[in-house]
Amino acid sequence: MISKFDAIIAIDPNASFETRQEPNEEEVITWLNGYTPIADDVIAAKQEELRLATAHIAPRKSSYPSILEQLDMQYWDQVNGTTTWKDAIAKVKSDNPKSE
């Protein structure tokens, strides 16, 4: 879940605000220093945009071979003139594409 904090910073990195999470409640925003509040629907739209833009990350992370496995693939690719590592990484990326 993309937080309201992250969405607000993406909308305006200079926004003056703070957020707090109450137990079992929605994230609460307090606007500071006379900053004009950003409308809730604008924040929600940015949250959804960021969610869609990053939806591929978690599945890719869990699909990539470990760093040790990748280094071993790269070593043997150099020795054997193969493309095992490139093929493995390309498959993870194609199986988990970035949203457009």
N, C-alpha and C. Protein backbone atom coordinates (compact mmCIF):
# COMPACT_ATOMS: atom_id res chain seq x y z
N MET A 1 0.85 -1.19 0.00
CA MET A 1 0.00 0.00 0.00
C MET A 1 0.89 1.24 0.00
N ILE A 2 0.58 2.14 -0.87
CA ILE A 2 1.30 3.41 -0.94
C ILE A 2 0.65 4.36 0.07
N SER A 3 1.45 4.94 0.95
CA SER A 3 0.92 5.82 1.99
C SER A 3 0.53 7.18 1.43
N LYS A 4 -0.33 7.87 2.17
CA LYS A 4 -0.68 9.24 1.81
C LYS A 4 0.58 10.11 1.84
N PHE A 5 1.45 9.85 2.81
CA PHE A 5 2.71 10.60 2.91
C PHE A 5 3.48 10.52 1.59
N ASP A 6 3.67 9.29 1.08
CA ASP A 6 4.41 9.11 -0.17
C ASP A 6 3.72 9.80 -1.34
N ALA A 7 2.39 9.72 -1.37
CA ALA A 7 1.63 10.36 -2.46
C ALA A 7 1.78 11.87 -2.41
N ILE A 8 1.69 12.45 -1.22
CA ILE A 8 1.81 13.91 -1.08
C ILE A 8 3.20 14.37 -1.51
N ILE A 9 4.23 13.66 -1.08
CA ILE A 9 5.60 14.02 -1.47
C ILE A 9 5.76 13.92 -2.98
N ALA A 10 5.12 12.93 -3.61
CA ALA A 10 5.20 12.79 -5.06
C ALA A 10 4.47 13.95 -5.76
N ILE A 11 3.40 14.44 -5.16
CA ILE A 11 2.66 15.57 -5.73
C ILE A 11 3.44 16.86 -5.54
N ASP A 12 3.91 17.09 -4.31
CA ASP A 12 4.64 18.32 -4.00
C ASP A 12 5.71 18.03 -2.94
N PRO A 13 6.96 17.90 -3.37
CA PRO A 13 8.04 17.60 -2.42
C PRO A 13 8.23 18.68 -1.35
N ASN A 14 7.69 19.86 -1.57
CA ASN A 14 7.84 20.96 -0.60
C ASN A 14 6.62 21.13 0.29
N ALA A 15 5.67 20.23 0.22
CA ALA A 15 4.46 20.34 1.03
C ALA A 15 4.83 20.35 2.52
N SER A 16 4.09 21.14 3.27
CA SER A 16 4.32 21.25 4.70
C SER A 16 3.18 20.52 5.42
N PHE A 17 3.48 19.35 5.94
CA PHE A 17 2.45 18.52 6.56
C PHE A 17 3.10 17.46 7.42
N GLU A 18 2.26 16.78 8.18
CA GLU A 18 2.69 15.59 8.90
C GLU A 18 1.55 14.59 8.83
N THR A 19 1.88 13.34 8.95
CA THR A 19 0.86 12.30 8.97
C THR A 19 1.07 11.44 10.20
N ARG A 20 -0.01 10.84 10.63
CA ARG A 20 0.07 9.88 11.73
C ARG A 20 -0.93 8.78 11.45
N GLN A 21 -0.60 7.60 11.92
CA GLN A 21 -1.46 6.44 11.74
C GLN A 21 -2.09 6.09 13.07
N GLU A 22 -3.38 6.25 13.14
CA GLU A 22 -4.10 5.86 14.35
C GLU A 22 -4.40 4.36 14.25
N PRO A 23 -4.38 3.65 15.38
CA PRO A 23 -4.69 2.21 15.33
C PRO A 23 -6.05 1.96 14.69
N ASN A 24 -6.09 1.06 13.73
CA ASN A 24 -7.32 0.67 13.04
C ASN A 24 -8.03 1.82 12.35
N GLU A 25 -7.30 2.87 12.03
CA GLU A 25 -7.91 4.00 11.33
C GLU A 25 -7.05 4.39 10.15
N GLU A 26 -7.61 5.24 9.32
CA GLU A 26 -6.91 5.75 8.15
C GLU A 26 -5.81 6.72 8.58
N GLU A 27 -4.82 6.86 7.72
CA GLU A 27 -3.72 7.80 7.94
C GLU A 27 -4.30 9.22 8.04
N VAL A 28 -3.91 9.96 9.07
CA VAL A 28 -4.43 11.31 9.30
C VAL A 28 -3.37 12.33 8.88
N ILE A 29 -3.81 13.32 8.10
CA ILE A 29 -2.90 14.37 7.61
C ILE A 29 -3.17 15.65 8.38
N THR A 30 -2.11 16.31 8.82
CA THR A 30 -2.20 17.64 9.41
C THR A 30 -1.36 18.56 8.54
N TRP A 31 -2.01 19.56 7.96
CA TRP A 31 -1.31 20.52 7.09
C TRP A 31 -0.69 21.60 7.97
N LEU A 32 0.55 21.96 7.69
CA LEU A 32 1.31 22.88 8.54
C LEU A 32 1.66 24.18 7.82
N ASN A 33 1.96 25.19 8.59
CA ASN A 33 2.49 26.47 8.10
C ASN A 33 1.63 27.11 7.02
N GLY A 34 0.32 26.95 7.13
CA GLY A 34 -0.59 27.57 6.18
C GLY A 34 -0.59 26.95 4.79
N TYR A 35 -0.01 25.75 4.66
CA TYR A 35 0.02 25.09 3.36
C TYR A 35 -1.41 24.76 2.93
N THR A 36 -1.74 25.07 1.70
CA THR A 36 -3.07 24.77 1.17
C THR A 36 -3.21 23.26 1.03
N PRO A 37 -4.20 22.68 1.71
CA PRO A 37 -4.35 21.22 1.66
C PRO A 37 -4.57 20.71 0.24
N ILE A 38 -4.02 19.54 -0.02
CA ILE A 38 -4.24 18.85 -1.29
C ILE A 38 -5.50 18.02 -1.11
N ALA A 39 -6.39 18.07 -2.07
CA ALA A 39 -7.68 17.37 -1.98
C ALA A 39 -7.47 15.86 -1.82
N ASP A 40 -8.34 15.25 -1.02
CA ASP A 40 -8.25 13.80 -0.77
C ASP A 40 -8.30 12.98 -2.05
N ASP A 41 -9.14 13.40 -3.02
CA ASP A 41 -9.25 12.63 -4.25
C ASP A 41 -7.98 12.72 -5.09
N VAL A 42 -7.28 13.85 -5.00
CA VAL A 42 -6.00 14.01 -5.71
C VAL A 42 -4.95 13.10 -5.07
N ILE A 43 -4.94 13.06 -3.75
CA ILE A 43 -4.00 12.18 -3.03
C ILE A 43 -4.30 10.73 -3.36
N ALA A 44 -5.57 10.34 -3.35
CA ALA A 44 -5.96 8.96 -3.64
C ALA A 44 -5.57 8.57 -5.07
N ALA A 45 -5.76 9.50 -6.01
CA ALA A 45 -5.38 9.22 -7.40
C ALA A 45 -3.88 9.01 -7.53
N LYS A 46 -3.09 9.81 -6.81
CA LYS A 46 -1.63 9.66 -6.84
C LYS A 46 -1.22 8.34 -6.19
N GLN A 47 -1.90 7.96 -5.10
CA GLN A 47 -1.61 6.67 -4.46
C GLN A 47 -1.81 5.53 -5.46
N GLU A 48 -2.91 5.57 -6.19
CA GLU A 48 -3.20 4.52 -7.17
C GLU A 48 -2.18 4.54 -8.30
N GLU A 49 -1.81 5.72 -8.76
CA GLU A 49 -0.80 5.84 -9.82
C GLU A 49 0.53 5.24 -9.37
N LEU A 50 0.94 5.54 -8.14
CA LEU A 50 2.20 5.01 -7.61
C LEU A 50 2.10 3.50 -7.40
N ARG A 51 0.94 3.03 -6.96
CA ARG A 51 0.74 1.58 -6.76
C ARG A 51 0.91 0.84 -8.08
N LEU A 52 0.27 1.35 -9.12
CA LEU A 52 0.38 0.72 -10.44
C LEU A 52 1.80 0.78 -10.97
N ALA A 53 2.48 1.89 -10.72
CA ALA A 53 3.84 2.06 -11.23
C ALA A 53 4.85 1.15 -10.54
N THR A 54 4.52 0.68 -9.34
CA THR A 54 5.48 -0.14 -8.59
C THR A 54 4.99 -1.57 -8.35
N ALA A 55 3.88 -1.95 -8.96
CA ALA A 55 3.30 -3.28 -8.72
C ALA A 55 4.22 -4.42 -9.14
N HIS A 56 5.13 -4.17 -10.05
CA HIS A 56 6.03 -5.22 -10.55
C HIS A 56 7.19 -5.52 -9.60
N ILE A 57 7.46 -4.65 -8.67
CA ILE A 57 8.67 -4.76 -7.86
C ILE A 57 8.67 -5.98 -6.94
N ALA A 58 7.63 -6.18 -6.15
CA ALA A 58 7.60 -7.30 -5.20
C ALA A 58 7.68 -8.65 -5.91
N PRO A 59 6.89 -8.87 -6.98
CA PRO A 59 7.03 -10.17 -7.66
C PRO A 59 8.41 -10.38 -8.26
N ARG A 60 9.03 -9.32 -8.76
CA ARG A 60 10.38 -9.48 -9.30
C ARG A 60 11.36 -9.84 -8.21
N LYS A 61 11.27 -9.14 -7.07
CA LYS A 61 12.21 -9.42 -5.98
C LYS A 61 12.17 -10.88 -5.56
N SER A 62 10.98 -11.44 -5.48
CA SER A 62 10.87 -12.83 -5.04
C SER A 62 11.23 -13.83 -6.14
N SER A 63 11.29 -13.36 -7.39
CA SER A 63 11.59 -14.26 -8.51
C SER A 63 13.06 -14.27 -8.92
N TYR A 64 13.78 -13.20 -8.62
CA TYR A 64 15.19 -13.16 -9.02
C TYR A 64 15.98 -14.24 -8.28
N PRO A 65 16.94 -14.88 -8.95
CA PRO A 65 17.85 -15.78 -8.23
C PRO A 65 18.65 -14.97 -7.20
N SER A 66 19.16 -15.65 -6.19
CA SER A 66 19.97 -14.95 -5.18
C SER A 66 21.20 -14.34 -5.85
N ILE A 67 21.82 -13.40 -5.18
CA ILE A 67 23.03 -12.76 -5.71
C ILE A 67 24.12 -13.81 -5.94
N LEU A 68 24.27 -14.75 -4.99
CA LEU A 68 25.28 -15.81 -5.16
C LEU A 68 25.00 -16.63 -6.42
N GLU A 69 23.73 -16.98 -6.64
CA GLU A 69 23.38 -17.73 -7.85
C GLU A 69 23.65 -16.91 -9.11
N GLN A 70 23.34 -15.62 -9.05
CA GLN A 70 23.58 -14.78 -10.21
C GLN A 70 25.07 -14.64 -10.52
N LEU A 71 25.88 -14.49 -9.48
CA LEU A 71 27.32 -14.40 -9.70
C LEU A 71 27.87 -15.71 -10.28
N ASP A 72 27.35 -16.83 -9.79
CA ASP A 72 27.78 -18.12 -10.33
C ASP A 72 27.38 -18.24 -11.81
N MET A 73 26.15 -17.81 -12.12
CA MET A 73 25.71 -17.83 -13.53
C MET A 73 26.63 -16.97 -14.39
N GLN A 74 26.97 -15.78 -13.90
CA GLN A 74 27.84 -14.89 -14.67
C GLN A 74 29.22 -15.50 -14.88
N TYR A 75 29.76 -16.13 -13.83
CA TYR A 75 31.06 -16.77 -13.96
C TYR A 75 31.01 -17.84 -15.05
N TRP A 76 30.03 -18.74 -14.96
CA TRP A 76 29.96 -19.83 -15.93
C TRP A 76 29.60 -19.34 -17.32
N ASP A 77 28.87 -18.25 -17.41
CA ASP A 77 28.60 -17.65 -18.73
C ASP A 77 29.91 -17.18 -19.36
N GLN A 78 30.80 -16.59 -18.55
CA GLN A 78 32.10 -16.14 -19.06
C GLN A 78 32.96 -17.33 -19.49
N VAL A 79 32.95 -18.36 -18.68
CA VAL A 79 33.76 -19.54 -18.98
C VAL A 79 33.25 -20.26 -20.23
N ASN A 80 31.92 -20.41 -20.33
CA ASN A 80 31.32 -21.22 -21.39
C ASN A 80 30.81 -20.42 -22.59
N GLY A 81 30.86 -19.09 -22.50
CA GLY A 81 30.34 -18.27 -23.59
C GLY A 81 28.82 -18.39 -23.73
N THR A 82 28.13 -18.57 -22.60
CA THR A 82 26.67 -18.72 -22.62
C THR A 82 25.99 -17.45 -22.11
N THR A 83 24.68 -17.45 -22.11
CA THR A 83 23.91 -16.28 -21.66
C THR A 83 22.88 -16.67 -20.59
N THR A 84 23.23 -17.63 -19.76
CA THR A 84 22.30 -18.12 -18.73
C THR A 84 21.81 -17.01 -17.83
N TRP A 85 22.72 -16.16 -17.36
CA TRP A 85 22.33 -15.07 -16.45
C TRP A 85 21.41 -14.08 -17.14
N LYS A 86 21.78 -13.61 -18.32
CA LYS A 86 20.93 -12.67 -19.05
C LYS A 86 19.55 -13.26 -19.31
N ASP A 87 19.51 -14.53 -19.67
CA ASP A 87 18.24 -15.20 -19.94
C ASP A 87 17.37 -15.28 -18.68
N ALA A 88 17.98 -15.60 -17.55
CA ALA A 88 17.24 -15.71 -16.29
C ALA A 88 16.65 -14.36 -15.89
N ILE A 89 17.46 -13.30 -15.99
CA ILE A 89 16.99 -11.96 -15.62
C ILE A 89 15.91 -11.49 -16.59
N ALA A 90 16.10 -11.74 -17.87
CA ALA A 90 15.10 -11.34 -18.87
C ALA A 90 13.77 -12.04 -18.62
N LYS A 91 13.81 -13.31 -18.20
CA LYS A 91 12.58 -14.04 -17.92
C LYS A 91 11.84 -13.44 -16.74
N VAL A 92 12.56 -13.09 -15.68
CA VAL A 92 11.91 -12.47 -14.51
C VAL A 92 11.24 -11.17 -14.94
N LYS A 93 11.96 -10.36 -15.73
CA LYS A 93 11.40 -9.09 -16.18
C LYS A 93 10.20 -9.28 -17.10
N SER A 94 10.25 -10.25 -18.00
CA SER A 94 9.12 -10.47 -18.91
C SER A 94 7.92 -11.09 -18.18
N ASP A 95 8.19 -11.92 -17.17
CA ASP A 95 7.10 -12.51 -16.39
C ASP A 95 6.43 -11.50 -15.47
N ASN A 96 7.15 -10.42 -15.14
CA ASN A 96 6.65 -9.39 -14.21
C ASN A 96 6.88 -8.01 -14.82
N PRO A 97 6.16 -7.68 -15.89
CA PRO A 97 6.43 -6.42 -16.59
C PRO A 97 5.99 -5.19 -15.80
N LYS A 98 6.64 -4.07 -16.08
CA LYS A 98 6.20 -2.79 -15.53
C LYS A 98 4.88 -2.44 -16.19
N SER A 99 3.98 -1.83 -15.40
CA SER A 99 2.72 -1.39 -16.00
C SER A 99 2.98 -0.15 -16.85
N GLU A 100 2.18 0.02 -17.85
CA GLU A 100 2.41 1.13 -18.78
C GLU A 100 1.53 2.30 -18.46
